[in-house]
Amino acid sequence: MTLDADAIVDRRGIRRQLVMWRLATIVAILLFATVLILRSGALTPRSYVAQVNVTGVMVGDSQRLADLAQVAQDPAIRALIVHIDSPGGTVVAGE
């Protein structure tokens, strides 16, 4: 079975068209998946529960107060869990 030059050129053209259609299909599927992901909000930050660990003797700590103020201002934080592992401390710092 010998192929003449015209048949070989036709087969190459068909093969190129097939590759182009496959690439177009892959690009369309990726574009469709991207649109679905963006519309569903899967990449947007969700609300969550924050946890603060307090360890050691409790004395006045301005950094801890600044961290708690930052947690209070964050709209994505829906709840706060405070885990305290302390032998005690001053009355004012404990409150």
C-alpha atoms as a PDB file:
ATOM      1  CA  MET A   1       0.000   0.000   0.000  1.00  0.00           C
ATOM      2  CA  THR A   2       1.802   3.045  -1.233  1.00  0.00           C
ATOM      3  CA  LEU A   3       0.553   6.536  -0.618  1.00  0.00           C
ATOM      4  CA  ASP A   4       0.950   9.243  -3.149  1.00  0.00           C
ATOM      5  CA  ALA A   5       2.054  12.771  -2.219  1.00  0.00           C
ATOM      6  CA  ASP A   6      -1.489  14.201  -2.125  1.00  0.00           C
ATOM      7  CA  ALA A   7      -2.665  11.560   0.367  1.00  0.00           C
ATOM      8  CA  ILE A   8       0.325  12.217   2.625  1.00  0.00           C
ATOM      9  CA  VAL A   9      -0.348  15.966   2.610  1.00  0.00           C
ATOM     10  CA  ASP A  10      -4.043  15.336   3.369  1.00  0.00           C
ATOM     11  CA  ARG A  11      -3.191  13.056   6.299  1.00  0.00           C
ATOM     12  CA  ARG A  12      -0.811  15.646   7.750  1.00  0.00           C
ATOM     13  CA  GLY A  13      -3.475  18.343   7.437  1.00  0.00           C
ATOM     14  CA  ILE A  14      -6.065  16.143   9.150  1.00  0.00           C
ATOM     15  CA  ARG A  15      -3.583  15.331  11.920  1.00  0.00           C
ATOM     16  CA  ARG A  16      -2.857  19.066  12.454  1.00  0.00           C
ATOM     17  CA  GLN A  17      -6.567  19.829  12.631  1.00  0.00           C
ATOM     18  CA  LEU A  18      -7.064  17.044  15.149  1.00  0.00           C
ATOM     19  CA  VAL A  19      -4.268  18.409  17.359  1.00  0.00           C
ATOM     20  CA  MET A  20      -5.724  21.923  17.144  1.00  0.00           C
ATOM     21  CA  TRP A  21      -9.216  20.704  18.110  1.00  0.00           C
ATOM     22  CA  ARG A  22      -7.795  18.756  21.037  1.00  0.00           C
ATOM     23  CA  LEU A  23      -5.893  21.821  22.283  1.00  0.00           C
ATOM     24  CA  ALA A  24      -8.970  24.012  21.861  1.00  0.00           C
ATOM     25  CA  THR A  25     -11.027  21.505  23.863  1.00  0.00           C
ATOM     26  CA  ILE A  26      -8.477  21.405  26.688  1.00  0.00           C
ATOM     27  CA  VAL A  27      -8.330  25.210  26.836  1.00  0.00           C
ATOM     28  CA  ALA A  28     -12.141  25.419  26.880  1.00  0.00           C
ATOM     29  CA  ILE A  29     -12.372  22.875  29.714  1.00  0.00           C
ATOM     30  CA  LEU A  30      -9.734  24.727  31.759  1.00  0.00           C
ATOM     31  CA  LEU A  31     -11.488  28.036  31.174  1.00  0.00           C
ATOM     32  CA  PHE A  32     -14.833  26.544  32.194  1.00  0.00           C
ATOM     33  CA  ALA A  33     -13.320  25.019  35.368  1.00  0.00           C
ATOM     34  CA  THR A  34     -11.705  28.353  36.265  1.00  0.00           C
ATOM     35  CA  VAL A  35     -15.003  30.186  35.880  1.00  0.00           C
ATOM     36  CA  LEU A  36     -16.768  27.601  38.058  1.00  0.00           C
ATOM     37  CA  ILE A  37     -14.140  27.866  40.787  1.00  0.00           C
ATOM     38  CA  LEU A  38     -14.209  31.661  40.804  1.00  0.00           C
ATOM     39  CA  ARG A  39     -18.015  31.860  40.836  1.00  0.00           C
ATOM     40  CA  SER A  40     -18.337  29.318  43.658  1.00  0.00           C
ATOM     41  CA  GLY A  41     -16.098  31.383  45.943  1.00  0.00           C
ATOM     42  CA  ALA A  42     -13.800  28.461  46.674  1.00  0.00           C
ATOM     43  CA  LEU A  43     -10.760  30.735  46.642  1.00  0.00           C
ATOM     44  CA  THR A  44     -12.177  33.426  48.901  1.00  0.00           C
ATOM     45  CA  PRO A  45     -11.240  33.339  52.583  1.00  0.00           C
ATOM     46  CA  ARG A  46     -13.834  31.734  54.825  1.00  0.00           C
ATOM     47  CA  SER A  47     -14.758  32.509  58.388  1.00  0.00           C
ATOM     48  CA  TYR A  48     -12.915  30.522  61.027  1.00  0.00           C
ATOM     49  CA  VAL A  49     -12.399  30.030  64.753  1.00  0.00           C
ATOM     50  CA  ALA A  50      -9.191  31.504  66.222  1.00  0.00           C
ATOM     51  CA  GLN A  51      -7.291  30.073  69.159  1.00  0.00           C
ATOM     52  CA  VAL A  52      -5.052  32.001  71.564  1.00  0.00           C
ATOM     53  CA  ASN A  53      -2.750  30.112  73.926  1.00  0.00           C
ATOM     54  CA  VAL A  54      -1.788  31.832  77.185  1.00  0.00           C
ATOM     55  CA  THR A  55       1.059  30.135  79.047  1.00  0.00           C
ATOM     56  CA  GLY A  56       3.187  31.059  82.002  1.00  0.00           C
ATOM     57  CA  VAL A  57       2.640  33.608  84.740  1.00  0.00           C
ATOM     58  CA  MET A  58       0.028  36.169  83.773  1.00  0.00           C
ATOM     59  CA  VAL A  59       1.287  39.722  84.120  1.00  0.00           C
ATOM     60  CA  GLY A  60       0.469  42.837  82.115  1.00  0.00           C
ATOM     61  CA  ASP A  61       1.379  42.060  78.498  1.00  0.00           C
ATOM     62  CA  SER A  62       0.759  44.738  75.880  1.00  0.00           C
ATOM     63  CA  GLN A  63       1.555  42.366  72.989  1.00  0.00           C
ATOM     64  CA  ARG A  64      -1.183  39.942  74.089  1.00  0.00           C
ATOM     65  CA  LEU A  65      -3.656  42.823  74.320  1.00  0.00           C
ATOM     66  CA  ALA A  66      -2.671  43.992  70.824  1.00  0.00           C
ATOM     67  CA  ASP A  67      -3.161  40.458  69.472  1.00  0.00           C
ATOM     68  CA  LEU A  68      -6.603  40.204  71.062  1.00  0.00           C
ATOM     69  CA  ALA A  69      -7.559  43.600  69.629  1.00  0.00           C
ATOM     70  CA  GLN A  70      -6.471  42.408  66.197  1.00  0.00           C
ATOM     71  CA  VAL A  71      -8.619  39.280  66.579  1.00  0.00           C
ATOM     72  CA  ALA A  72     -11.580  41.439  67.581  1.00  0.00           C
ATOM     73  CA  GLN A  73     -11.202  43.592  64.446  1.00  0.00           C
ATOM     74  CA  ASP A  74     -10.941  40.691  61.966  1.00  0.00           C
ATOM     75  CA  PRO A  75     -14.372  40.099  60.338  1.00  0.00           C
ATOM     76  CA  ALA A  76     -13.429  36.559  59.220  1.00  0.00           C
ATOM     77  CA  ILE A  77     -13.023  35.337  62.814  1.00  0.00           C
ATOM     78  CA  ARG A  78     -16.368  34.083  64.099  1.00  0.00           C
ATOM     79  CA  ALA A  79     -15.249  32.792  67.503  1.00  0.00           C
ATOM     80  CA  LEU A  80     -12.237  32.806  69.803  1.00  0.00           C
ATOM     81  CA  ILE A  81     -10.954  29.961  71.950  1.00  0.00           C
ATOM     82  CA  VAL A  82      -8.606  31.006  74.743  1.00  0.00           C
ATOM     83  CA  HIS A  83      -6.513  28.165  76.188  1.00  0.00           C
ATOM     84  CA  ILE A  84      -4.918  29.188  79.486  1.00  0.00           C
ATOM     85  CA  ASP A  85      -2.083  27.145  81.023  1.00  0.00           C
ATOM     86  CA  SER A  86      -0.933  29.355  83.890  1.00  0.00           C
ATOM     87  CA  PRO A  87      -0.059  28.903  87.538  1.00  0.00           C
ATOM     88  CA  GLY A  88      -1.519  32.353  88.221  1.00  0.00           C
ATOM     89  CA  GLY A  89      -0.419  35.927  88.139  1.00  0.00           C
ATOM     90  CA  THR A  90      -1.659  39.361  88.994  1.00  0.00           C
ATOM     91  CA  VAL A  91      -5.353  40.039  89.390  1.00  0.00           C
ATOM     92  CA  VAL A  92      -5.425  42.726  86.715  1.00  0.00           C
ATOM     93  CA  ALA A  93      -3.631  40.579  84.122  1.00  0.00           C
ATOM     94  CA  GLY A  94      -5.939  37.634  84.797  1.00  0.00           C
ATOM     95  CA  GLU A  95      -8.985  39.677  83.948  1.00  0.00           C
END
